[in-house]
Amino acid sequence: MILHLMVKTYHVFDAEIEGCQYIRQDGDKYYLVLTTAANKTELMIIDASKNVNDTWVGGVNGTDTYYYTIEGKIPLFILWMDLHLKNVLKIYQGKKGPNNNVIAGDTYYAKA
């Protein structure tokens, strides 16, 4: 019998409000561990291979479904006069829960 175990390596970020966040990359896909979930659900929060207006389900946790849409691919994003970011993705993220309650908003991601 052969047992193959896939080891996943995460980068740890300390966010003031959310606490530690665990993010990993696999090609053009980025995953975030939902640390508030009892089973530590992994969500695919970015799929950079998608086109503008493409939507995907990032994951399901209990009765909540997390979904994402590429709203824009911005070659140059000027945040402040002296801060220019390249290859920015504008991603709409939503969480649909029981009774179709939706919590949603936009997030911007820039390649380092």
Protein backbone atom coordinates (compact mmCIF):
# COMPACT_ATOMS: atom_id res chain seq x y z
CA MET A 1 0.00 0.00 0.00
CA ILE A 2 1.30 3.43 -0.91
CA LEU A 3 0.13 6.45 1.00
CA HIS A 4 0.72 9.87 -0.54
CA LEU A 5 0.32 12.84 1.70
CA MET A 6 0.23 16.31 0.24
CA VAL A 7 2.03 18.84 2.39
CA LYS A 8 0.66 22.35 2.15
CA THR A 9 2.84 25.31 3.07
CA TYR A 10 1.17 28.51 4.23
CA HIS A 11 2.43 32.04 4.71
CA VAL A 12 1.26 33.49 8.01
CA PHE A 13 0.11 37.10 8.18
CA ASP A 14 -0.84 38.85 11.40
CA ALA A 15 -3.80 41.13 10.82
CA GLU A 16 -4.81 43.50 13.62
CA ILE A 17 -8.53 42.76 13.43
CA GLU A 18 -8.69 39.22 12.04
CA GLY A 19 -5.66 37.80 13.87
CA CYS A 20 -3.39 35.33 12.08
CA GLN A 21 -4.26 34.53 8.48
CA TYR A 22 -2.88 31.53 6.63
CA ILE A 23 -2.50 31.87 2.85
CA ARG A 24 -0.93 29.53 0.30
CA GLN A 25 -0.37 29.67 -3.44
CA ASP A 26 -0.78 26.86 -5.95
CA GLY A 27 -0.04 28.21 -9.44
CA ASP A 28 -2.53 31.01 -10.21
CA LYS A 29 -4.74 30.06 -7.26
CA TYR A 30 -4.50 31.43 -3.74
CA TYR A 31 -6.11 29.82 -0.72
CA LEU A 32 -7.02 31.21 2.69
CA VAL A 33 -7.77 29.13 5.78
CA LEU A 34 -11.02 30.28 7.37
CA THR A 35 -9.70 30.28 10.93
CA THR A 36 -13.11 31.10 12.41
CA ALA A 37 -14.50 27.81 11.09
CA ALA A 38 -14.42 24.84 13.45
CA ASN A 39 -12.96 22.61 10.72
CA LYS A 40 -10.56 25.33 9.39
CA THR A 41 -12.13 25.38 5.92
CA GLU A 42 -9.79 26.35 3.08
CA LEU A 43 -11.21 28.90 0.61
CA MET A 44 -9.89 29.63 -2.89
CA ILE A 45 -9.94 33.43 -2.70
CA ILE A 46 -8.04 34.20 -5.93
CA ASP A 47 -7.95 32.46 -9.29
CA ALA A 48 -5.76 34.76 -11.38
CA SER A 49 -6.34 32.63 -14.49
CA LYS A 50 -10.00 33.71 -14.60
CA ASN A 51 -11.20 36.44 -16.94
CA VAL A 52 -13.05 39.59 -15.93
CA ASN A 53 -16.65 38.72 -14.86
CA ASP A 54 -15.78 35.03 -14.23
CA THR A 55 -17.19 33.69 -10.96
CA TRP A 56 -16.19 30.65 -8.86
CA VAL A 57 -17.20 29.05 -5.59
CA GLY A 58 -14.27 29.38 -3.22
CA GLY A 59 -15.62 26.95 -0.67
CA VAL A 60 -18.47 25.89 1.55
CA ASN A 61 -18.50 25.99 5.33
CA GLY A 62 -21.63 24.53 6.88
CA THR A 63 -24.54 26.49 5.41
CA ASP A 64 -22.34 29.32 4.10
CA THR A 65 -21.12 29.43 0.49
CA TYR A 66 -18.21 31.71 -0.39
CA TYR A 67 -18.08 32.97 -3.97
CA TYR A 68 -15.77 35.30 -5.88
CA THR A 69 -15.86 37.26 -9.15
CA ILE A 70 -13.01 38.97 -11.00
CA GLU A 71 -14.34 42.52 -11.45
CA GLY A 72 -11.22 43.98 -12.98
CA LYS A 73 -7.61 43.46 -13.93
CA ILE A 74 -5.83 46.77 -13.48
CA PRO A 75 -2.32 47.03 -15.03
CA LEU A 76 -1.37 50.10 -12.94
CA PHE A 77 -3.24 51.20 -9.81
CA ILE A 78 -2.19 54.47 -8.16
CA LEU A 79 -3.07 54.28 -4.49
CA TRP A 80 -1.29 57.47 -3.46
CA MET A 81 0.87 59.84 -5.39
CA ASP A 82 4.00 57.85 -4.60
CA LEU A 83 2.52 54.34 -4.35
CA HIS A 84 1.94 52.63 -7.68
CA LEU A 85 0.83 48.99 -7.74
CA LYS A 86 1.06 46.78 -10.82
CA ASN A 87 -1.16 43.91 -11.93
CA VAL A 88 -3.98 44.56 -9.45
CA LEU A 89 -6.99 42.26 -9.30
CA LYS A 90 -10.32 43.67 -8.12
CA ILE A 91 -12.29 40.75 -6.72
CA TYR A 92 -15.88 40.82 -5.52
CA GLN A 93 -16.32 38.36 -2.69
CA GLY A 94 -19.56 37.23 -1.17
CA LYS A 95 -20.85 34.88 1.47
CA LYS A 96 -24.33 33.47 1.10
CA GLY A 97 -25.78 31.98 4.25
CA PRO A 98 -29.06 30.58 5.51
CA ASN A 99 -32.19 32.30 4.21
CA ASN A 100 -30.03 33.64 1.32
CA ASN A 101 -28.48 36.34 3.53
CA VAL A 102 -25.54 37.83 1.64
CA ILE A 103 -22.46 39.59 2.99
CA ALA A 104 -20.29 40.97 0.19
CA GLY A 105 -17.66 43.51 -0.83
CA ASP A 106 -14.68 44.23 -3.05
CA THR A 107 -11.06 43.41 -2.30
CA TYR A 108 -7.99 44.51 -4.26
CA TYR A 109 -4.95 42.24 -4.62
CA ALA A 110 -1.59 43.29 -6.06
CA LYS A 111 1.24 41.02 -7.10
CA ALA A 112 4.38 41.58 -5.09
